[in-house]
Amino acid sequence: MSVFEFMMLVCFGASWPFSIAKSLRSRSTKGKSLVFLCLIELGYVCGIVHKLVNNFNWVTWVYVLLFFVVGFDIVLYFRNRRLERGQVLA
């Protein structure tokens, strides 16, 4: 277990709740990049795989949590894109 790895994840992951709140409030994709979000998601997948293969510990669950948080932001991106295009959400 690395305290520094955990702290890196906490510091980096602290921005996602703010990003999600902005997406929910603005109902817009302005300032969002789907490519960026997907690259971050891929990074978390790689971190999870590394932890599962080489060094499974409780920090693995932080990667999993952040994977789902970024995934939610991606879902909001598509919702907001539909709203911008004037499509009715079911």
C-alpha atoms as a PDB file:
ATOM      1  CA  MET A   1       0.000   0.000   0.000  1.00  0.00           C
ATOM      2  CA  SER A   2       1.288   3.412  -0.871  1.00  0.00           C
ATOM      3  CA  VAL A   3       0.082   6.425   1.054  1.00  0.00           C
ATOM      4  CA  PHE A   4       1.407   8.604  -1.753  1.00  0.00           C
ATOM      5  CA  GLU A   5      -0.604   6.723  -4.367  1.00  0.00           C
ATOM      6  CA  PHE A   6      -3.710   7.149  -2.240  1.00  0.00           C
ATOM      7  CA  MET A   7      -3.038  10.866  -1.765  1.00  0.00           C
ATOM      8  CA  MET A   8      -2.515  11.287  -5.526  1.00  0.00           C
ATOM      9  CA  LEU A   9      -5.897   9.669  -6.163  1.00  0.00           C
ATOM     10  CA  VAL A  10      -7.600  11.812  -3.516  1.00  0.00           C
ATOM     11  CA  CYS A  11      -6.094  15.024  -4.882  1.00  0.00           C
ATOM     12  CA  PHE A  12      -6.868  14.157  -8.478  1.00  0.00           C
ATOM     13  CA  GLY A  13     -10.301  12.741  -7.677  1.00  0.00           C
ATOM     14  CA  ALA A  14     -11.371  15.773  -5.641  1.00  0.00           C
ATOM     15  CA  SER A  15     -12.145  17.668  -8.844  1.00  0.00           C
ATOM     16  CA  TRP A  16     -14.790  15.238 -10.121  1.00  0.00           C
ATOM     17  CA  PRO A  17     -17.626  16.168  -7.741  1.00  0.00           C
ATOM     18  CA  PHE A  18     -17.227  19.795  -8.844  1.00  0.00           C
ATOM     19  CA  SER A  19     -17.256  18.748 -12.494  1.00  0.00           C
ATOM     20  CA  ILE A  20     -20.398  16.689 -11.959  1.00  0.00           C
ATOM     21  CA  ALA A  21     -22.123  19.522 -10.095  1.00  0.00           C
ATOM     22  CA  LYS A  22     -21.309  21.893 -12.961  1.00  0.00           C
ATOM     23  CA  SER A  23     -22.702  19.407 -15.500  1.00  0.00           C
ATOM     24  CA  LEU A  24     -25.893  19.003 -13.494  1.00  0.00           C
ATOM     25  CA  ARG A  25     -26.385  22.760 -13.067  1.00  0.00           C
ATOM     26  CA  SER A  26     -25.422  23.927 -16.537  1.00  0.00           C
ATOM     27  CA  ARG A  27     -27.106  21.127 -18.494  1.00  0.00           C
ATOM     28  CA  SER A  28     -24.420  21.825 -21.107  1.00  0.00           C
ATOM     29  CA  THR A  29     -21.340  20.121 -22.559  1.00  0.00           C
ATOM     30  CA  LYS A  30     -19.534  23.449 -22.812  1.00  0.00           C
ATOM     31  CA  GLY A  31     -16.057  23.079 -21.385  1.00  0.00           C
ATOM     32  CA  LYS A  32     -16.251  19.274 -21.448  1.00  0.00           C
ATOM     33  CA  SER A  33     -14.192  16.959 -23.617  1.00  0.00           C
ATOM     34  CA  LEU A  34     -15.453  13.440 -24.181  1.00  0.00           C
ATOM     35  CA  VAL A  35     -11.986  12.365 -25.307  1.00  0.00           C
ATOM     36  CA  PHE A  36     -10.486  13.680 -22.058  1.00  0.00           C
ATOM     37  CA  LEU A  37     -13.126  11.943 -19.946  1.00  0.00           C
ATOM     38  CA  CYS A  38     -12.579   8.654 -21.780  1.00  0.00           C
ATOM     39  CA  LEU A  39      -8.797   8.903 -21.392  1.00  0.00           C
ATOM     40  CA  ILE A  40      -9.187   9.461 -17.659  1.00  0.00           C
ATOM     41  CA  GLU A  41     -11.565   6.495 -17.505  1.00  0.00           C
ATOM     42  CA  LEU A  42      -9.017   4.349 -19.371  1.00  0.00           C
ATOM     43  CA  GLY A  43      -6.366   5.449 -16.886  1.00  0.00           C
ATOM     44  CA  TYR A  44      -8.502   4.271 -13.990  1.00  0.00           C
ATOM     45  CA  VAL A  45      -9.114   0.945 -15.758  1.00  0.00           C
ATOM     46  CA  CYS A  46      -5.350   0.525 -16.136  1.00  0.00           C
ATOM     47  CA  GLY A  47      -4.852   1.373 -12.457  1.00  0.00           C
ATOM     48  CA  ILE A  48      -7.481  -1.178 -11.434  1.00  0.00           C
ATOM     49  CA  VAL A  49      -5.952  -3.888 -13.617  1.00  0.00           C
ATOM     50  CA  HIS A  50      -2.502  -3.159 -12.205  1.00  0.00           C
ATOM     51  CA  LYS A  51      -3.799  -3.403  -8.657  1.00  0.00           C
ATOM     52  CA  LEU A  52      -5.650  -6.655  -9.394  1.00  0.00           C
ATOM     53  CA  VAL A  53      -2.629  -8.266 -11.055  1.00  0.00           C
ATOM     54  CA  ASN A  54       0.253  -6.940  -8.964  1.00  0.00           C
ATOM     55  CA  ASN A  55      -0.740  -5.315  -5.711  1.00  0.00           C
ATOM     56  CA  PHE A  56      -4.376  -5.679  -4.648  1.00  0.00           C
ATOM     57  CA  ASN A  57      -5.102  -3.622  -1.540  1.00  0.00           C
ATOM     58  CA  TRP A  58      -7.680  -1.160  -0.264  1.00  0.00           C
ATOM     59  CA  VAL A  59      -6.430   1.575  -2.622  1.00  0.00           C
ATOM     60  CA  THR A  60      -7.905  -0.538  -5.438  1.00  0.00           C
ATOM     61  CA  TRP A  61     -11.343   0.487  -4.193  1.00  0.00           C
ATOM     62  CA  VAL A  62     -10.426   4.161  -4.580  1.00  0.00           C
ATOM     63  CA  TYR A  63      -9.659   3.492  -8.251  1.00  0.00           C
ATOM     64  CA  VAL A  64     -13.012   1.711  -8.592  1.00  0.00           C
ATOM     65  CA  LEU A  65     -14.875   4.584  -6.919  1.00  0.00           C
ATOM     66  CA  LEU A  66     -13.249   7.166  -9.181  1.00  0.00           C
ATOM     67  CA  PHE A  67     -13.967   4.992 -12.226  1.00  0.00           C
ATOM     68  CA  PHE A  68     -17.678   5.164 -11.400  1.00  0.00           C
ATOM     69  CA  VAL A  69     -17.538   8.892 -10.637  1.00  0.00           C
ATOM     70  CA  VAL A  70     -15.962   9.658 -14.012  1.00  0.00           C
ATOM     71  CA  GLY A  71     -18.401   7.236 -15.627  1.00  0.00           C
ATOM     72  CA  PHE A  72     -21.263   9.273 -14.171  1.00  0.00           C
ATOM     73  CA  ASP A  73     -19.720  12.436 -15.621  1.00  0.00           C
ATOM     74  CA  ILE A  74     -19.606  10.698 -19.028  1.00  0.00           C
ATOM     75  CA  VAL A  75     -23.294   9.792 -18.706  1.00  0.00           C
ATOM     76  CA  LEU A  76     -24.048  13.429 -17.904  1.00  0.00           C
ATOM     77  CA  TYR A  77     -22.075  14.495 -20.973  1.00  0.00           C
ATOM     78  CA  PHE A  78     -24.373  12.453 -23.225  1.00  0.00           C
ATOM     79  CA  ARG A  79     -27.485  13.643 -21.390  1.00  0.00           C
ATOM     80  CA  ASN A  80     -26.415  17.253 -21.749  1.00  0.00           C
ATOM     81  CA  ARG A  81     -25.555  16.786 -25.408  1.00  0.00           C
ATOM     82  CA  ARG A  82     -29.076  15.492 -26.021  1.00  0.00           C
ATOM     83  CA  LEU A  83     -30.518  18.460 -24.128  1.00  0.00           C
ATOM     84  CA  GLU A  84     -28.443  20.875 -26.242  1.00  0.00           C
ATOM     85  CA  ARG A  85     -29.754  19.259 -29.405  1.00  0.00           C
ATOM     86  CA  GLY A  86     -33.307  19.706 -28.163  1.00  0.00           C
ATOM     87  CA  GLN A  87     -34.034  16.021 -27.946  1.00  0.00           C
ATOM     88  CA  VAL A  88     -36.598  14.914 -25.399  1.00  0.00           C
ATOM     89  CA  LEU A  89     -35.257  12.585 -22.727  1.00  0.00           C
ATOM     90  CA  ALA A  90     -37.370   9.528 -22.008  1.00  0.00           C
END
